[in-house]
Amino acid sequence: MFAMGRRSVWRHGLGLGLLLAASTVWPQWGHAENPSQLWLLLQRCAVQAEAGHQPPLPCARVSGRPGAPDSYAVLKDRDGKAQYLLLPMQRTSGLEAASLITPQAHNFLADAWALRDLVSAAAGAPLPRQAFGLVINSAYGRSQNQLHIHADCMQPWLVRRLADPALSRGEDWQSIDLPLDGGIRHFQLRWLPGEQLDVNPFRLLAEHLPAGDDMASHSLVLIGGYDPQHRPGFFLLSGHHDAATGDSANADRLQDLACHIVESLPSH
């Protein structure tokens, strides 16, 4: 078995006013929310977009025709300094949705990777690729039943761990243990070379799972990085729900809501 170790584009120049306007909707999203609350917010964004309103509040952006297979919305998360969520505008339960791994599937993770400039603006400094990442929680570690990709700064300790030149940059999956939630969580890791995300990570994970395993049990994490020759790429990680150890595969803990890594970046 793949045995391994939740939480939930801005057009350039819209600025702080948009962030404040968008944030006014979040008090309606309580912490005991309906698991379809994000889907309901998307419907409001769709109405605004189709009426020609920019931004289509409560979203910061809607891309494509709402309901089209490649359409998505971007929302400022209620939590965190700089975290944004990218959500398909079609009903998509989570990373276990079959529509994400078909040959014609749209690459929403590539869209989410393009949010680095947006997250950087909210964080207050340009984030290097190794400080930025995307997280999708498992069905056991999420509160919402609409696929949402968390885009945010990564934990500084994780950035340092992945920068270790001794860590394999192989394209085969390997095991890696990471300290998380007061314990050690087990992940699988593989390297994806290239400046841009030209592959479908959902499909890569699905193809790796052995018989009897299922996508709903997994988290998926994408973090930028470099190999020892300083060639760009991505670290792809996946955690696994384990009831025995209490691991719900809530990999969003690998992100840093306070974006502390900005403090260690060179001044601009």
C-alpha atoms as a PDB file:
ATOM      1  CA  MET A   1       0.000   0.000   0.000  1.00  0.00           C
ATOM      2  CA  PHE A   2       1.088   3.580  -0.525  1.00  0.00           C
ATOM      3  CA  ALA A   3       1.376   3.895   3.253  1.00  0.00           C
ATOM      4  CA  MET A   4       2.304   7.389   4.411  1.00  0.00           C
ATOM      5  CA  GLY A   5       1.729   9.881   6.879  1.00  0.00           C
ATOM      6  CA  ARG A   6      -6.782  20.701   6.131  1.00  0.00           C
ATOM      7  CA  ARG A   7      -7.299  23.802   5.755  1.00  0.00           C
ATOM      8  CA  SER A   8      -8.693  25.419   3.249  1.00  0.00           C
ATOM      9  CA  VAL A   9      -5.556  36.344 -10.383  1.00  0.00           C
ATOM     10  CA  TRP A  10      -5.707  39.276  -9.086  1.00  0.00           C
ATOM     11  CA  ARG A  11      -5.357  41.559 -12.067  1.00  0.00           C
ATOM     12  CA  HIS A  12      -2.146  43.528 -11.635  1.00  0.00           C
ATOM     13  CA  GLY A  13      -2.679  46.875 -10.002  1.00  0.00           C
ATOM     14  CA  LEU A  14      -6.018  46.281  -8.276  1.00  0.00           C
ATOM     15  CA  GLY A  15      -4.187  46.693  -4.973  1.00  0.00           C
ATOM     16  CA  LEU A  16      -5.232  46.720  -1.366  1.00  0.00           C
ATOM     17  CA  GLY A  17      -8.710  48.094  -2.053  1.00  0.00           C
ATOM     18  CA  LEU A  18      -9.727  44.854  -3.740  1.00  0.00           C
ATOM     19  CA  LEU A  19      -8.299  42.779  -0.917  1.00  0.00           C
ATOM     20  CA  LEU A  20     -10.287  44.716   1.642  1.00  0.00           C
ATOM     21  CA  ALA A  21     -13.462  44.603  -0.440  1.00  0.00           C
ATOM     22  CA  ALA A  22     -13.185  40.874  -0.975  1.00  0.00           C
ATOM     23  CA  SER A  23     -12.477  40.217   2.694  1.00  0.00           C
ATOM     24  CA  THR A  24     -15.799  41.694   3.763  1.00  0.00           C
ATOM     25  CA  VAL A  25     -17.616  38.511   2.727  1.00  0.00           C
ATOM     26  CA  TRP A  26     -15.708  36.170   5.014  1.00  0.00           C
ATOM     27  CA  PRO A  27     -17.575  36.797   8.293  1.00  0.00           C
ATOM     28  CA  GLN A  28     -20.461  34.946   6.623  1.00  0.00           C
ATOM     29  CA  TRP A  29     -18.242  31.886   6.304  1.00  0.00           C
ATOM     30  CA  GLY A  30     -18.281  30.561   9.843  1.00  0.00           C
ATOM     31  CA  HIS A  31     -16.029  27.854  11.187  1.00  0.00           C
ATOM     32  CA  ALA A  32     -18.948  25.386  11.441  1.00  0.00           C
ATOM     33  CA  GLU A  33     -19.729  25.992   7.815  1.00  0.00           C
ATOM     34  CA  ASN A  34     -21.809  24.067   5.376  1.00  0.00           C
ATOM     35  CA  PRO A  35     -19.395  21.812   3.429  1.00  0.00           C
ATOM     36  CA  SER A  36     -20.852  23.358   0.265  1.00  0.00           C
ATOM     37  CA  GLN A  37     -20.157  26.941   1.389  1.00  0.00           C
ATOM     38  CA  LEU A  38     -17.328  27.452  -1.079  1.00  0.00           C
ATOM     39  CA  TRP A  39     -19.552  26.204  -3.888  1.00  0.00           C
ATOM     40  CA  LEU A  40     -22.227  28.706  -2.874  1.00  0.00           C
ATOM     41  CA  LEU A  41     -19.649  31.510  -2.925  1.00  0.00           C
ATOM     42  CA  LEU A  42     -18.645  30.435  -6.435  1.00  0.00           C
ATOM     43  CA  GLN A  43     -22.223  30.867  -7.595  1.00  0.00           C
ATOM     44  CA  ARG A  44     -22.151  34.466  -6.395  1.00  0.00           C
ATOM     45  CA  CYS A  45     -18.886  35.027  -8.243  1.00  0.00           C
ATOM     46  CA  ALA A  46     -20.380  33.530 -11.416  1.00  0.00           C
ATOM     47  CA  VAL A  47     -23.363  35.896 -11.302  1.00  0.00           C
ATOM     48  CA  GLN A  48     -21.042  38.870 -10.859  1.00  0.00           C
ATOM     49  CA  ALA A  49     -18.737  37.746 -13.666  1.00  0.00           C
ATOM     50  CA  GLU A  50     -21.567  37.130 -16.113  1.00  0.00           C
ATOM     51  CA  ALA A  51     -22.922  40.614 -15.309  1.00  0.00           C
ATOM     52  CA  GLY A  52     -19.540  42.070 -16.234  1.00  0.00           C
ATOM     53  CA  HIS A  53     -18.551  43.208 -12.751  1.00  0.00           C
ATOM     54  CA  GLN A  54     -14.815  43.419 -12.081  1.00  0.00           C
ATOM     55  CA  PRO A  55     -13.755  42.119  -9.706  1.00  0.00           C
ATOM     56  CA  PRO A  56     -16.578  39.560  -9.525  1.00  0.00           C
ATOM     57  CA  LEU A  57     -16.950  39.724  -5.746  1.00  0.00           C
ATOM     58  CA  PRO A  58     -16.566  37.858  -3.505  1.00  0.00           C
ATOM     59  CA  CYS A  59     -13.886  36.487  -5.857  1.00  0.00           C
ATOM     60  CA  ALA A  60     -10.781  38.356  -6.903  1.00  0.00           C
ATOM     61  CA  ARG A  61     -11.023  36.832 -10.369  1.00  0.00           C
ATOM     62  CA  VAL A  62     -13.036  34.458 -12.517  1.00  0.00           C
ATOM     63  CA  SER A  63     -11.229  33.005 -15.508  1.00  0.00           C
ATOM     64  CA  GLY A  64     -13.191  31.572 -18.418  1.00  0.00           C
ATOM     65  CA  ARG A  65     -16.895  31.121 -18.835  1.00  0.00           C
ATOM     66  CA  PRO A  66     -18.379  29.945 -15.513  1.00  0.00           C
ATOM     67  CA  GLY A  67     -19.166  26.252 -15.789  1.00  0.00           C
ATOM     68  CA  ALA A  68     -16.709  25.542 -18.616  1.00  0.00           C
ATOM     69  CA  PRO A  69     -14.258  22.697 -17.904  1.00  0.00           C
ATOM     70  CA  ASP A  70     -11.310  25.093 -17.772  1.00  0.00           C
ATOM     71  CA  SER A  71     -12.986  27.879 -15.803  1.00  0.00           C
ATOM     72  CA  TYR A  72     -11.841  28.726 -12.314  1.00  0.00           C
ATOM     73  CA  ALA A  73     -12.161  31.399  -9.620  1.00  0.00           C
ATOM     74  CA  VAL A  74      -9.646  32.873  -7.200  1.00  0.00           C
ATOM     75  CA  LEU A  75     -10.697  33.772  -3.650  1.00  0.00           C
ATOM     76  CA  LYS A  76      -8.754  35.385  -0.829  1.00  0.00           C
ATOM     77  CA  ASP A  77      -8.780  32.842   1.971  1.00  0.00           C
ATOM     78  CA  ARG A  78     -10.389  33.927   5.234  1.00  0.00           C
ATOM     79  CA  ASP A  79      -7.225  32.834   7.047  1.00  0.00           C
ATOM     80  CA  GLY A  80      -3.675  33.942   6.581  1.00  0.00           C
ATOM     81  CA  LYS A  81      -1.785  36.982   5.461  1.00  0.00           C
ATOM     82  CA  ALA A  82      -1.368  36.045   1.822  1.00  0.00           C
ATOM     83  CA  GLN A  83      -3.224  32.799   1.135  1.00  0.00           C
ATOM     84  CA  TYR A  84      -5.482  32.520  -1.884  1.00  0.00           C
ATOM     85  CA  LEU A  85      -7.662  29.655  -3.070  1.00  0.00           C
ATOM     86  CA  LEU A  86      -8.144  28.541  -6.654  1.00  0.00           C
ATOM     87  CA  LEU A  87     -11.353  26.627  -7.353  1.00  0.00           C
ATOM     88  CA  PRO A  88     -12.786  25.082 -10.528  1.00  0.00           C
ATOM     89  CA  MET A  89     -16.107  26.638 -11.519  1.00  0.00           C
ATOM     90  CA  GLN A  90     -17.497  23.205 -12.297  1.00  0.00           C
ATOM     91  CA  ARG A  91     -18.676  21.008  -9.438  1.00  0.00           C
ATOM     92  CA  THR A  92     -15.552  19.083  -8.428  1.00  0.00           C
ATOM     93  CA  SER A  93     -15.563  17.290  -5.081  1.00  0.00           C
ATOM     94  CA  GLY A  94     -11.819  17.131  -4.436  1.00  0.00           C
ATOM     95  CA  LEU A  95      -8.613  15.633  -5.758  1.00  0.00           C
ATOM     96  CA  GLU A  96     -10.406  12.307  -6.070  1.00  0.00           C
ATOM     97  CA  ALA A  97     -12.658  13.662  -8.866  1.00  0.00           C
ATOM     98  CA  ALA A  98     -12.282  11.544 -12.003  1.00  0.00           C
ATOM     99  CA  SER A  99     -12.441  14.670 -14.203  1.00  0.00           C
ATOM    100  CA  LEU A 100      -8.993  15.715 -12.963  1.00  0.00           C
ATOM    101  CA  ILE A 101      -7.137  12.776 -14.455  1.00  0.00           C
ATOM    102  CA  THR A 102      -8.698  12.338 -17.880  1.00  0.00           C
ATOM    103  CA  PRO A 103      -6.410  12.891 -20.901  1.00  0.00           C
ATOM    104  CA  GLN A 104      -8.191  16.183 -21.660  1.00  0.00           C
ATOM    105  CA  ALA A 105      -8.247  17.371 -18.025  1.00  0.00           C
ATOM    106  CA  HIS A 106      -7.419  21.031 -17.477  1.00  0.00           C
ATOM    107  CA  ASN A 107      -4.279  21.631 -15.402  1.00  0.00           C
ATOM    108  CA  PHE A 108      -5.636  23.670 -12.477  1.00  0.00           C
ATOM    109  CA  LEU A 109      -2.379  23.276 -10.593  1.00  0.00           C
ATOM    110  CA  ALA A 110      -0.572  25.130 -13.371  1.00  0.00           C
ATOM    111  CA  ASP A 111      -3.140  27.934 -13.018  1.00  0.00           C
ATOM    112  CA  ALA A 112      -2.596  27.978  -9.255  1.00  0.00           C
ATOM    113  CA  TRP A 113       1.178  28.120  -9.698  1.00  0.00           C
ATOM    114  CA  ALA A 114       0.670  31.357 -11.637  1.00  0.00           C
ATOM    115  CA  LEU A 115      -0.727  32.905  -8.426  1.00  0.00           C
ATOM    116  CA  ARG A 116       2.782  33.339  -7.018  1.00  0.00           C
ATOM    117  CA  ASP A 117       2.822  37.057  -7.969  1.00  0.00           C
ATOM    118  CA  LEU A 118      -0.533  37.566  -6.255  1.00  0.00           C
ATOM    119  CA  VAL A 119       0.591  35.838  -3.076  1.00  0.00           C
ATOM    120  CA  SER A 120       3.882  37.765  -3.191  1.00  0.00           C
ATOM    121  CA  ALA A 121       2.019  41.072  -3.348  1.00  0.00           C
ATOM    122  CA  ALA A 122      -0.028  40.154  -0.282  1.00  0.00           C
ATOM    123  CA  ALA A 123       3.059  38.847   1.536  1.00  0.00           C
ATOM    124  CA  GLY A 124       4.959  42.078   0.895  1.00  0.00           C
ATOM    125  CA  ALA A 125       7.932  40.650  -1.005  1.00  0.00           C
ATOM    126  CA  PRO A 126       8.598  38.673  -4.205  1.00  0.00           C
ATOM    127  CA  LEU A 127       8.571  35.006  -3.252  1.00  0.00           C
ATOM    128  CA  PRO A 128      11.240  32.816  -4.837  1.00  0.00           C
ATOM    129  CA  ARG A 129       9.884  29.613  -6.300  1.00  0.00           C
ATOM    130  CA  GLN A 130      11.162  27.483  -3.417  1.00  0.00           C
ATOM    131  CA  ALA A 131       9.214  29.597  -0.871  1.00  0.00           C
ATOM    132  CA  PHE A 132       5.859  29.201  -2.630  1.00  0.00           C
ATOM    133  CA  GLY A 133       3.635  26.179  -2.834  1.00  0.00           C
ATOM    134  CA  LEU A 134       0.220  24.656  -3.410  1.00  0.00           C
ATOM    135  CA  VAL A 135      -1.714  22.269  -1.163  1.00  0.00           C
ATOM    136  CA  ILE A 136      -4.825  20.142  -1.601  1.00  0.00           C
ATOM    137  CA  ASN A 137      -6.046  18.225   1.439  1.00  0.00           C
ATOM    138  CA  SER A 138      -7.493  14.742   1.471  1.00  0.00           C
ATOM    139  CA  ALA A 139     -11.203  14.009   1.794  1.00  0.00           C
ATOM    140  CA  TYR A 140     -10.486  13.261   5.483  1.00  0.00           C
ATOM    141  CA  GLY A 141      -8.658  16.541   6.097  1.00  0.00           C
ATOM    142  CA  ARG A 142     -10.890  19.090   4.393  1.00  0.00           C
ATOM    143  CA  SER A 143     -13.984  20.986   5.486  1.00  0.00           C
ATOM    144  CA  GLN A 144     -15.327  21.765   1.998  1.00  0.00           C
ATOM    145  CA  ASN A 145     -16.515  19.486  -0.771  1.00  0.00           C
ATOM    146  CA  GLN A 146     -15.422  21.663  -3.674  1.00  0.00           C
ATOM    147  CA  LEU A 147     -11.864  21.291  -4.866  1.00  0.00           C
ATOM    148  CA  HIS A 148      -9.810  24.213  -3.600  1.00  0.00           C
ATOM    149  CA  ILE A 149      -6.086  24.652  -4.034  1.00  0.00           C
ATOM    150  CA  HIS A 150      -4.324  26.574  -1.259  1.00  0.00           C
ATOM    151  CA  ALA A 151      -1.628  28.915  -2.647  1.00  0.00           C
ATOM    152  CA  ASP A 152       0.656  30.374   0.016  1.00  0.00           C
ATOM    153  CA  CYS A 153       4.119  30.726   1.502  1.00  0.00           C
ATOM    154  CA  MET A 154       5.683  27.507   2.706  1.00  0.00           C
ATOM    155  CA  GLN A 155       7.064  26.816   6.161  1.00  0.00           C
ATOM    156  CA  PRO A 156      10.718  27.953   6.388  1.00  0.00           C
ATOM    157  CA  TRP A 157      11.817  24.626   7.894  1.00  0.00           C
ATOM    158  CA  LEU A 158      10.347  22.771   4.926  1.00  0.00           C
ATOM    159  CA  VAL A 159      12.069  25.089   2.458  1.00  0.00           C
ATOM    160  CA  ARG A 160      15.389  24.314   4.170  1.00  0.00           C
ATOM    161  CA  ARG A 161      14.685  20.578   4.185  1.00  0.00           C
ATOM    162  CA  LEU A 162      13.926  20.443   0.483  1.00  0.00           C
ATOM    163  CA  ALA A 163      16.967  22.591  -0.375  1.00  0.00           C
ATOM    164  CA  ASP A 164      19.284  19.863   0.910  1.00  0.00           C
ATOM    165  CA  PRO A 165      21.398  18.835  -2.115  1.00  0.00           C
ATOM    166  CA  ALA A 166      21.558  15.314  -0.693  1.00  0.00           C
ATOM    167  CA  LEU A 167      17.813  14.919  -1.176  1.00  0.00           C
ATOM    168  CA  SER A 168      17.198  12.940  -4.332  1.00  0.00           C
ATOM    169  CA  ARG A 169      15.808  14.852  -7.302  1.00  0.00           C
ATOM    170  CA  GLY A 170      14.780  11.625  -8.976  1.00  0.00           C
ATOM    171  CA  GLU A 171      11.554  11.259 -10.921  1.00  0.00           C
ATOM    172  CA  ASP A 172      10.712   8.049  -9.086  1.00  0.00           C
ATOM    173  CA  TRP A 173       8.629   8.287  -5.933  1.00  0.00           C
ATOM    174  CA  GLN A 174      10.545   8.039  -2.649  1.00  0.00           C
ATOM    175  CA  SER A 175       9.556   8.098   1.027  1.00  0.00           C
ATOM    176  CA  ILE A 176      10.229  11.145   3.197  1.00  0.00           C
ATOM    177  CA  ASP A 177       9.297  11.750   6.833  1.00  0.00           C
ATOM    178  CA  LEU A 178       8.424  15.276   7.934  1.00  0.00           C
ATOM    179  CA  PRO A 179       7.688  16.693  11.426  1.00  0.00           C
ATOM    180  CA  LEU A 180       4.084  17.840  11.429  1.00  0.00           C
ATOM    181  CA  ASP A 181       1.289  18.270  13.997  1.00  0.00           C
ATOM    182  CA  GLY A 182       3.569  17.228  16.838  1.00  0.00           C
ATOM    183  CA  GLY A 183       4.614  13.969  15.232  1.00  0.00           C
ATOM    184  CA  ILE A 184       6.272  12.467  12.214  1.00  0.00           C
ATOM    185  CA  ARG A 185       4.150  12.236   9.087  1.00  0.00           C
ATOM    186  CA  HIS A 186       4.992  10.020   6.168  1.00  0.00           C
ATOM    187  CA  PHE A 187       4.974  11.401   2.649  1.00  0.00           C
ATOM    188  CA  GLN A 188       5.905  10.238  -0.795  1.00  0.00           C
ATOM    189  CA  LEU A 189       8.021  12.602  -2.868  1.00  0.00           C
ATOM    190  CA  ARG A 190       9.124  12.926  -6.468  1.00  0.00           C
ATOM    191  CA  TRP A 191      10.882  15.594  -8.524  1.00  0.00           C
ATOM    192  CA  LEU A 192       9.386  17.246 -11.592  1.00  0.00           C
ATOM    193  CA  PRO A 193      12.037  19.071 -13.654  1.00  0.00           C
ATOM    194  CA  GLY A 194      11.261  22.256 -15.562  1.00  0.00           C
ATOM    195  CA  GLU A 195      10.472  25.942 -15.116  1.00  0.00           C
ATOM    196  CA  GLN A 196       6.773  25.449 -15.899  1.00  0.00           C
ATOM    197  CA  LEU A 197       4.365  22.753 -14.768  1.00  0.00           C
ATOM    198  CA  ASP A 198       3.782  20.880 -18.000  1.00  0.00           C
ATOM    199  CA  VAL A 199       2.473  17.642 -16.483  1.00  0.00           C
ATOM    200  CA  ASN A 200      -0.697  16.793 -14.590  1.00  0.00           C
ATOM    201  CA  PRO A 201       0.243  15.998 -10.955  1.00  0.00           C
ATOM    202  CA  PHE A 202      -3.201  14.516 -10.258  1.00  0.00           C
ATOM    203  CA  ARG A 203      -2.600  11.940 -12.959  1.00  0.00           C
ATOM    204  CA  LEU A 204       0.954  11.245 -11.766  1.00  0.00           C
ATOM    205  CA  LEU A 205      -0.361  10.430  -8.298  1.00  0.00           C
ATOM    206  CA  ALA A 206      -3.248   8.326  -9.600  1.00  0.00           C
ATOM    207  CA  GLU A 207      -0.872   6.286 -11.752  1.00  0.00           C
ATOM    208  CA  HIS A 208       1.366   5.642  -8.757  1.00  0.00           C
ATOM    209  CA  LEU A 209      -1.279   4.266  -6.426  1.00  0.00           C
ATOM    210  CA  PRO A 210      -1.358   0.500  -5.963  1.00  0.00           C
ATOM    211  CA  ALA A 211      -4.509  -1.551  -6.230  1.00  0.00           C
ATOM    212  CA  GLY A 212      -6.827  -0.929  -3.289  1.00  0.00           C
ATOM    213  CA  ASP A 213      -5.593   2.600  -2.625  1.00  0.00           C
ATOM    214  CA  ASP A 214      -7.703   5.641  -3.530  1.00  0.00           C
ATOM    215  CA  MET A 215      -7.099   9.292  -4.307  1.00  0.00           C
ATOM    216  CA  ALA A 216      -9.549  10.504  -1.617  1.00  0.00           C
ATOM    217  CA  SER A 217      -7.137   9.300   1.064  1.00  0.00           C
ATOM    218  CA  HIS A 218      -4.294  11.466  -0.200  1.00  0.00           C
ATOM    219  CA  SER A 219      -3.112  15.022   0.068  1.00  0.00           C
ATOM    220  CA  LEU A 220      -1.169  16.622  -2.760  1.00  0.00           C
ATOM    221  CA  VAL A 221       1.502  19.296  -2.368  1.00  0.00           C
ATOM    222  CA  LEU A 222       3.484  21.136  -5.051  1.00  0.00           C
ATOM    223  CA  ILE A 223       6.490  23.262  -4.077  1.00  0.00           C
ATOM    224  CA  GLY A 224       9.003  25.002  -6.318  1.00  0.00           C
ATOM    225  CA  GLY A 225      12.674  24.176  -6.075  1.00  0.00           C
ATOM    226  CA  TYR A 226      16.009  23.648  -7.784  1.00  0.00           C
ATOM    227  CA  ASP A 227      18.278  20.704  -8.374  1.00  0.00           C
ATOM    228  CA  PRO A 228      21.983  20.812  -7.341  1.00  0.00           C
ATOM    229  CA  GLN A 229      22.825  22.418 -10.722  1.00  0.00           C
ATOM    230  CA  HIS A 230      20.281  25.153  -9.920  1.00  0.00           C
ATOM    231  CA  ARG A 231      17.907  23.980 -12.622  1.00  0.00           C
ATOM    232  CA  PRO A 232      14.284  24.750 -11.706  1.00  0.00           C
ATOM    233  CA  GLY A 233      11.638  22.186 -10.982  1.00  0.00           C
ATOM    234  CA  PHE A 234       8.962  21.155  -8.524  1.00  0.00           C
ATOM    235  CA  PHE A 235       8.734  18.895  -5.520  1.00  0.00           C
ATOM    236  CA  LEU A 236       5.540  16.849  -5.594  1.00  0.00           C
ATOM    237  CA  LEU A 237       4.534  15.365  -2.242  1.00  0.00           C
ATOM    238  CA  SER A 238       1.595  13.255  -1.165  1.00  0.00           C
ATOM    239  CA  GLY A 239       0.497  12.335   2.338  1.00  0.00           C
ATOM    240  CA  HIS A 240      -1.900   9.538   3.225  1.00  0.00           C
ATOM    241  CA  HIS A 241      -4.814   9.342   5.654  1.00  0.00           C
ATOM    242  CA  ASP A 242      -4.073   6.944   8.491  1.00  0.00           C
ATOM    243  CA  ALA A 243      -6.857   6.494  11.061  1.00  0.00           C
ATOM    244  CA  ALA A 244      -4.591   4.509  13.365  1.00  0.00           C
ATOM    245  CA  THR A 245      -2.194   7.414  13.871  1.00  0.00           C
ATOM    246  CA  GLY A 246      -4.764  10.194  13.531  1.00  0.00           C
ATOM    247  CA  ASP A 247      -3.218  11.456  10.305  1.00  0.00           C
ATOM    248  CA  SER A 248      -6.011  13.053   8.263  1.00  0.00           C
ATOM    249  CA  ALA A 249      -3.583  14.084   5.502  1.00  0.00           C
ATOM    250  CA  ASN A 250      -4.149  17.784   6.223  1.00  0.00           C
ATOM    251  CA  ALA A 251      -1.015  18.924   4.445  1.00  0.00           C
ATOM    252  CA  ASP A 252      -1.887  22.606   4.603  1.00  0.00           C
ATOM    253  CA  ARG A 253       0.138  22.672   7.831  1.00  0.00           C
ATOM    254  CA  LEU A 254       3.147  22.717   5.526  1.00  0.00           C
ATOM    255  CA  GLN A 255       2.141  26.256   4.587  1.00  0.00           C
ATOM    256  CA  ASP A 256       2.772  29.293   6.770  1.00  0.00           C
ATOM    257  CA  LEU A 257      -0.218  31.601   7.265  1.00  0.00           C
ATOM    258  CA  ALA A 258       2.045  34.316   8.694  1.00  0.00           C
ATOM    259  CA  CYS A 259       4.507  34.003   5.794  1.00  0.00           C
ATOM    260  CA  HIS A 260       7.533  34.223   8.075  1.00  0.00           C
ATOM    261  CA  ILE A 261       9.861  33.309   5.240  1.00  0.00           C
ATOM    262  CA  VAL A 262       9.539  36.887   3.938  1.00  0.00           C
ATOM    263  CA  GLU A 263      11.641  38.007   6.918  1.00  0.00           C
ATOM    264  CA  SER A 264      14.635  36.077   5.589  1.00  0.00           C
ATOM    265  CA  LEU A 265      14.408  37.348   2.011  1.00  0.00           C
ATOM    266  CA  PRO A 266      16.747  40.077   0.725  1.00  0.00           C
ATOM    267  CA  SER A 267      15.318  43.583   0.942  1.00  0.00           C
ATOM    268  CA  HIS A 268      13.796  44.962  -2.282  1.00  0.00           C
END
